[in-house]
C-alpha atoms as a PDB file:
ATOM      1  CA  UNK A   1      -0.313  -0.083  -0.160  1.00  0.00           C
ATOM      2  CA  UNK A   2       2.939   2.191   0.851  1.00  0.00           C
ATOM      3  CA  UNK A   3       4.431   1.137  -2.475  1.00  0.00           C
ATOM      4  CA  UNK A   4       0.961   2.443  -4.433  1.00  0.00           C
ATOM      5  CA  UNK A   5       1.060   5.521  -2.101  1.00  0.00           C
ATOM      6  CA  UNK A   6       3.883   6.775  -3.263  1.00  0.00           C
ATOM      7  CA  UNK A   7       3.801   5.942  -6.801  1.00  0.00           C
ATOM      8  CA  UNK A   8       0.922   7.907  -6.988  1.00  0.00           C
ATOM      9  CA  UNK A   9       2.960  10.931  -5.198  1.00  0.00           C
ATOM     10  CA  UNK A  10       5.398  10.599  -7.772  1.00  0.00           C
ATOM     11  CA  UNK A  11       3.284  11.016 -10.614  1.00  0.00           C
ATOM     12  CA  UNK A  12       1.326  13.776  -9.475  1.00  0.00           C
ATOM     13  CA  UNK A  13       4.402  15.497  -8.586  1.00  0.00           C
ATOM     14  CA  UNK A  14       5.992  15.432 -12.566  1.00  0.00           C
ATOM     15  CA  UNK A  15       2.482  16.632 -13.280  1.00  0.00           C
ATOM     16  CA  UNK A  16       3.078  19.431 -11.818  1.00  0.00           C
ATOM     17  CA  UNK A  17       6.569  20.314 -12.839  1.00  0.00           C
ATOM     18  CA  UNK A  18       6.103  19.804 -15.980  1.00  0.00           C
ATOM     19  CA  UNK A  19       2.702  21.301 -16.602  1.00  0.00           C
ATOM     20  CA  UNK A  20       4.672  24.599 -14.535  1.00  0.00           C
ATOM     21  CA  UNK A  21       8.224  24.418 -15.808  1.00  0.00           C
ATOM     22  CA  UNK A  22       9.047  27.653 -17.431  1.00  0.00           C
ATOM     23  CA  UNK A  23      11.174  25.977 -20.106  1.00  0.00           C
ATOM     24  CA  UNK A  24       8.212  24.018 -22.195  1.00  0.00           C
ATOM     25  CA  UNK A  25       8.716  25.301 -25.312  1.00  0.00           C
ATOM     26  CA  UNK A  26       7.628  28.596 -26.162  1.00  0.00           C
ATOM     27  CA  UNK A  27       7.929  30.127 -29.226  1.00  0.00           C
ATOM     28  CA  UNK A  28       9.885  33.278 -29.798  1.00  0.00           C
ATOM     29  CA  UNK A  29       7.857  35.779 -31.253  1.00  0.00           C
ATOM     30  CA  UNK A  30       9.168  38.249 -34.154  1.00  0.00           C
ATOM     31  CA  UNK A  31       6.380  40.984 -33.307  1.00  0.00           C
ATOM     32  CA  UNK A  32       8.204  43.830 -33.444  1.00  0.00           C
ATOM     33  CA  UNK A  33       9.765  46.166 -35.722  1.00  0.00           C
ATOM     34  CA  UNK A  34      12.910  44.957 -37.480  1.00  0.00           C
ATOM     35  CA  UNK A  35      15.920  47.100 -39.292  1.00  0.00           C
ATOM     36  CA  UNK A  36      16.632  45.211 -42.858  1.00  0.00           C
ATOM     37  CA  UNK A  37      19.784  45.783 -45.361  1.00  0.00           C
ATOM     38  CA  UNK A  38      19.525  43.659 -48.370  1.00  0.00           C
ATOM     39  CA  UNK A  39      23.162  43.751 -49.843  1.00  0.00           C
ATOM     40  CA  UNK A  40      22.450  44.098 -53.643  1.00  0.00           C
ATOM     41  CA  UNK A  41      26.736  44.859 -54.319  1.00  0.00           C
ATOM     42  CA  UNK A  42      29.099  45.966 -53.151  1.00  0.00           C
ATOM     43  CA  UNK A  43      28.736  49.490 -53.597  1.00  0.00           C
ATOM     44  CA  UNK A  44      24.558  48.870 -53.503  1.00  0.00           C
ATOM     45  CA  UNK A  45      22.342  47.791 -50.035  1.00  0.00           C
ATOM     46  CA  UNK A  46      19.305  48.448 -49.637  1.00  0.00           C
ATOM     47  CA  UNK A  47      17.860  49.396 -46.344  1.00  0.00           C
ATOM     48  CA  UNK A  48      14.616  49.242 -44.486  1.00  0.00           C
ATOM     49  CA  UNK A  49      12.129  48.827 -41.616  1.00  0.00           C
ATOM     50  CA  UNK A  50      10.410  46.304 -41.122  1.00  0.00           C
ATOM     51  CA  UNK A  51       7.402  45.528 -38.796  1.00  0.00           C
ATOM     52  CA  UNK A  52       6.530  42.151 -38.122  1.00  0.00           C
ATOM     53  CA  UNK A  53       2.653  42.507 -37.200  1.00  0.00           C
ATOM     54  CA  UNK A  54       1.212  38.563 -36.307  1.00  0.00           C
ATOM     55  CA  UNK A  55       4.025  35.890 -35.295  1.00  0.00           C
ATOM     56  CA  UNK A  56       1.288  32.528 -34.535  1.00  0.00           C
ATOM     57  CA  UNK A  57       2.006  29.293 -34.892  1.00  0.00           C
ATOM     58  CA  UNK A  58       4.582  29.500 -37.534  1.00  0.00           C
ATOM     59  CA  UNK A  59       3.437  32.132 -39.887  1.00  0.00           C
ATOM     60  CA  UNK A  60       4.412  36.186 -39.965  1.00  0.00           C
ATOM     61  CA  UNK A  61       2.952  38.567 -41.396  1.00  0.00           C
ATOM     62  CA  UNK A  62       3.052  42.348 -41.365  1.00  0.00           C
ATOM     63  CA  UNK A  63       4.845  45.308 -43.386  1.00  0.00           C
ATOM     64  CA  UNK A  64       8.632  46.271 -44.689  1.00  0.00           C
ATOM     65  CA  UNK A  65       9.057  49.970 -46.560  1.00  0.00           C
ATOM     66  CA  UNK A  66      11.510  52.909 -47.064  1.00  0.00           C
ATOM     67  CA  UNK A  67      11.317  56.236 -48.336  1.00  0.00           C
ATOM     68  CA  UNK A  68      10.495  54.283 -52.080  1.00  0.00           C
ATOM     69  CA  UNK A  69       8.821  50.811 -51.714  1.00  0.00           C
ATOM     70  CA  UNK A  70       6.939  49.948 -49.372  1.00  0.00           C
ATOM     71  CA  UNK A  71       4.417  46.670 -48.955  1.00  0.00           C
ATOM     72  CA  UNK A  72       3.202  43.442 -47.690  1.00  0.00           C
ATOM     73  CA  UNK A  73       5.069  40.653 -45.748  1.00  0.00           C
ATOM     74  CA  UNK A  74       4.226  36.716 -45.205  1.00  0.00           C
ATOM     75  CA  UNK A  75       5.644  33.527 -44.413  1.00  0.00           C
ATOM     76  CA  UNK A  76       6.960  31.071 -42.562  1.00  0.00           C
ATOM     77  CA  UNK A  77       9.399  29.535 -39.012  1.00  0.00           C
ATOM     78  CA  UNK A  78      10.290  26.750 -37.928  1.00  0.00           C
ATOM     79  CA  UNK A  79      12.885  26.018 -35.122  1.00  0.00           C
ATOM     80  CA  UNK A  80      15.061  28.929 -36.067  1.00  0.00           C
ATOM     81  CA  UNK A  81      14.487  29.172 -39.966  1.00  0.00           C
ATOM     82  CA  UNK A  82      12.565  31.572 -41.540  1.00  0.00           C
ATOM     83  CA  UNK A  83      10.970  32.325 -45.300  1.00  0.00           C
ATOM     84  CA  UNK A  84       9.165  35.199 -46.210  1.00  0.00           C
ATOM     85  CA  UNK A  85       7.969  37.161 -49.476  1.00  0.00           C
ATOM     86  CA  UNK A  86       7.689  40.874 -50.547  1.00  0.00           C
ATOM     87  CA  UNK A  87       5.103  41.887 -51.686  1.00  0.00           C
ATOM     88  CA  UNK A  88       5.286  45.358 -53.357  1.00  0.00           C
ATOM     89  CA  UNK A  89       1.768  47.522 -53.252  1.00  0.00           C
ATOM     90  CA  UNK A  90       3.023  48.795 -56.514  1.00  0.00           C
ATOM     91  CA  UNK A  91       3.631  45.435 -57.965  1.00  0.00           C
ATOM     92  CA  UNK A  92       4.735  43.831 -60.014  1.00  0.00           C
ATOM     93  CA  UNK A  93       7.956  43.032 -57.743  1.00  0.00           C
ATOM     94  CA  UNK A  94       8.541  40.346 -54.844  1.00  0.00           C
ATOM     95  CA  UNK A  95      11.839  39.283 -52.792  1.00  0.00           C
ATOM     96  CA  UNK A  96      11.719  36.252 -51.941  1.00  0.00           C
ATOM     97  CA  UNK A  97      14.024  36.167 -48.185  1.00  0.00           C
ATOM     98  CA  UNK A  98      15.019  32.915 -46.550  1.00  0.00           C
ATOM     99  CA  UNK A  99      17.594  32.127 -43.879  1.00  0.00           C
ATOM    100  CA  UNK A 100      17.742  32.076 -40.004  1.00  0.00           C
ATOM    101  CA  UNK A 101      16.827  33.975 -36.934  1.00  0.00           C
ATOM    102  CA  UNK A 102      17.042  34.240 -33.533  1.00  0.00           C
ATOM    103  CA  UNK A 103      15.306  36.670 -30.328  1.00  0.00           C
ATOM    104  CA  UNK A 104      17.623  39.655 -32.116  1.00  0.00           C
ATOM    105  CA  UNK A 105      18.526  39.373 -35.265  1.00  0.00           C
ATOM    106  CA  UNK A 106      17.688  37.687 -38.914  1.00  0.00           C
ATOM    107  CA  UNK A 107      20.305  36.811 -41.604  1.00  0.00           C
ATOM    108  CA  UNK A 108      19.902  34.396 -44.946  1.00  0.00           C
ATOM    109  CA  UNK A 109      19.512  35.149 -48.789  1.00  0.00           C
ATOM    110  CA  UNK A 110      17.025  36.884 -50.868  1.00  0.00           C
ATOM    111  CA  UNK A 111      15.812  37.114 -54.059  1.00  0.00           C
ATOM    112  CA  UNK A 112      14.324  39.278 -56.330  1.00  0.00           C
ATOM    113  CA  UNK A 113      11.434  38.920 -59.257  1.00  0.00           C
ATOM    114  CA  UNK A 114       9.843  41.550 -61.110  1.00  0.00           C
ATOM    115  CA  UNK A 115       6.237  39.974 -62.770  1.00  0.00           C
ATOM    116  CA  UNK A 116       7.563  36.658 -62.100  1.00  0.00           C
ATOM    117  CA  UNK A 117      10.735  36.545 -63.998  1.00  0.00           C
ATOM    118  CA  UNK A 118      13.458  36.595 -61.544  1.00  0.00           C
ATOM    119  CA  UNK A 119      15.714  40.157 -61.455  1.00  0.00           C
ATOM    120  CA  UNK A 120      18.723  39.074 -59.268  1.00  0.00           C
ATOM    121  CA  UNK A 121      19.434  37.279 -56.341  1.00  0.00           C
ATOM    122  CA  UNK A 122      20.625  35.744 -53.990  1.00  0.00           C
ATOM    123  CA  UNK A 123      21.665  38.760 -51.869  1.00  0.00           C
ATOM    124  CA  UNK A 124      22.656  38.169 -48.312  1.00  0.00           C
ATOM    125  CA  UNK A 125      20.089  40.030 -45.505  1.00  0.00           C
ATOM    126  CA  UNK A 126      19.976  40.620 -42.293  1.00  0.00           C
ATOM    127  CA  UNK A 127      17.488  41.748 -39.943  1.00  0.00           C
ATOM    128  CA  UNK A 128      18.278  43.507 -36.365  1.00  0.00           C
ATOM    129  CA  UNK A 129      15.443  43.624 -33.880  1.00  0.00           C
ATOM    130  CA  UNK A 130      15.220  47.634 -33.092  1.00  0.00           C
ATOM    131  CA  UNK A 131      13.725  47.716 -29.471  1.00  0.00           C
END
């Protein structure tokens, strides 16, 4: 009888510890403002702000822009991988971004297309959280 009671107490303690454990899988939210840079060539770098407005269940969305270009982004994340597509509000231009991320930065490559046709890339890109 004592053995059954002891095993029951251990099982209850394990359940309590696992349900309250702060290290149980927690998704790193990317929601916020980021400074983005795309290195087009040795002498040309495209810079913009990126506002990620939602990041839930591996899906993200938001906006990307600067003084000349503005559009939406949508994509996915898994573990430390990220992939998202920028679509210009003016139409025609899309940029496919892929790479890695952590809580403060992102790095990867970007490919530019105009009217669904390849224009340039892959270009290296980085983004740093501004908050």
